[in-house]
Amino acid sequence: MKKLIVLASIALASQFALAADKAPTAQQQLMGTCNTEAKTKELKGDDRKAYMSSCLSDGRKRQQERMKTCNVDATGKKGDERKAFMSECLKK
């Protein structure tokens, strides 16, 4: 029984370690930014919900525009070169 608990603990710890190594996605970054701005503005309740909805919506639109621009700029690039270019372009 003790071995099972130890193995489960190790498996759980390794999952947390793997999750910590991954960079946040664009959506996670956007959520963090909007959340920080809402805290700074000290918004609560319905005001916070409305602000978060608006902020996330605007962020998605900006991300889509950035994707379109990066796609146009990546014309002619293929494979790893395109992948690296798009990754760097979308981080800006």
Protein backbone atom coordinates (compact mmCIF):
# COMPACT_ATOMS: atom_id res chain seq x y z
CA MET A 1 0.00 0.00 0.00
CA LYS A 2 2.83 2.39 0.87
CA LYS A 3 4.50 1.67 -2.46
CA LEU A 4 1.28 2.56 -4.28
CA ILE A 5 1.01 5.88 -2.44
CA VAL A 6 4.66 6.68 -3.17
CA LEU A 7 4.25 5.84 -6.86
CA ALA A 8 1.07 7.91 -7.10
CA SER A 9 2.84 10.84 -5.43
CA ILE A 10 5.76 10.62 -7.85
CA ALA A 11 3.43 10.47 -10.84
CA LEU A 12 1.48 13.47 -9.61
CA ALA A 13 4.64 15.47 -8.92
CA SER A 14 6.01 14.72 -12.39
CA GLN A 15 2.77 15.94 -13.98
CA PHE A 16 3.04 19.24 -12.11
CA ALA A 17 6.66 19.57 -13.18
CA LEU A 18 5.76 18.99 -16.82
CA ALA A 19 2.91 21.51 -16.65
CA ALA A 20 5.21 24.11 -15.10
CA ASP A 21 7.72 23.76 -17.96
CA LYS A 22 5.17 24.58 -20.66
CA ALA A 23 4.87 28.17 -21.78
CA PRO A 24 1.40 29.65 -21.36
CA THR A 25 -0.76 29.69 -24.45
CA ALA A 26 -1.86 32.97 -26.03
CA GLN A 27 -5.29 32.53 -24.40
CA GLN A 28 -3.71 31.97 -20.98
CA GLN A 29 -1.52 35.04 -21.42
CA LEU A 30 -4.52 37.11 -22.46
CA MET A 31 -6.54 35.87 -19.47
CA GLY A 32 -3.67 36.77 -17.14
CA THR A 33 -3.35 40.25 -18.62
CA CYS A 34 -7.09 40.94 -18.39
CA ASN A 35 -7.19 39.57 -14.85
CA THR A 36 -4.30 41.81 -13.77
CA GLU A 37 -5.96 44.86 -15.32
CA ALA A 38 -9.26 44.05 -13.57
CA LYS A 39 -7.43 43.76 -10.23
CA THR A 40 -5.63 47.06 -10.83
CA LYS A 41 -8.97 48.74 -11.51
CA GLU A 42 -10.38 47.04 -8.38
CA LEU A 43 -13.42 45.76 -10.27
CA LYS A 44 -15.87 43.44 -8.52
CA GLY A 45 -19.03 41.51 -9.38
CA ASP A 46 -20.91 42.43 -12.54
CA ASP A 47 -18.47 45.23 -13.40
CA ARG A 48 -15.59 42.74 -13.36
CA LYS A 49 -17.52 40.20 -15.46
CA ALA A 50 -18.36 42.84 -18.07
CA TYR A 51 -14.76 44.09 -18.16
CA MET A 52 -13.30 40.58 -18.48
CA SER A 53 -15.71 39.72 -21.29
CA SER A 54 -14.83 42.88 -23.18
CA CYS A 55 -11.09 42.51 -22.56
CA LEU A 56 -10.99 38.87 -23.69
CA SER A 57 -13.08 39.64 -26.77
CA ASP A 58 -10.80 42.52 -27.79
CA GLY A 59 -7.74 40.36 -27.17
CA ARG A 60 -9.03 37.60 -29.42
CA LYS A 61 -9.66 40.11 -32.20
CA ARG A 62 -6.11 41.46 -31.84
CA GLN A 63 -4.74 37.90 -31.92
CA GLN A 64 -6.70 37.10 -35.09
CA GLU A 65 -5.41 40.25 -36.78
CA ARG A 66 -1.86 39.40 -35.74
CA MET A 67 -2.30 35.88 -37.17
CA LYS A 68 -3.48 37.29 -40.50
CA THR A 69 -0.54 39.68 -40.69
CA CYS A 70 1.98 37.00 -39.75
CA ASN A 71 0.51 34.60 -42.34
CA VAL A 72 0.95 37.20 -45.07
CA ASP A 73 4.53 37.91 -43.93
CA ALA A 74 5.32 34.18 -43.85
CA THR A 75 4.47 33.71 -47.53
CA GLY A 76 7.21 31.67 -49.19
CA LYS A 77 8.51 30.12 -45.98
CA LYS A 78 8.01 26.39 -45.41
CA GLY A 79 8.50 23.78 -42.74
CA ASP A 80 10.61 24.61 -39.72
CA GLU A 81 11.49 28.04 -41.09
CA ARG A 82 7.79 29.00 -41.29
CA LYS A 83 7.05 27.49 -37.89
CA ALA A 84 9.87 29.45 -36.24
CA PHE A 85 8.85 32.65 -38.03
CA MET A 86 5.19 32.32 -37.03
CA SER A 87 6.10 31.57 -33.43
CA GLU A 88 8.29 34.65 -33.19
CA CYS A 89 5.85 36.86 -35.11
CA LEU A 90 2.90 35.92 -32.87
CA LYS A 91 4.88 36.70 -29.70
CA LYS A 92 5.26 40.34 -30.70
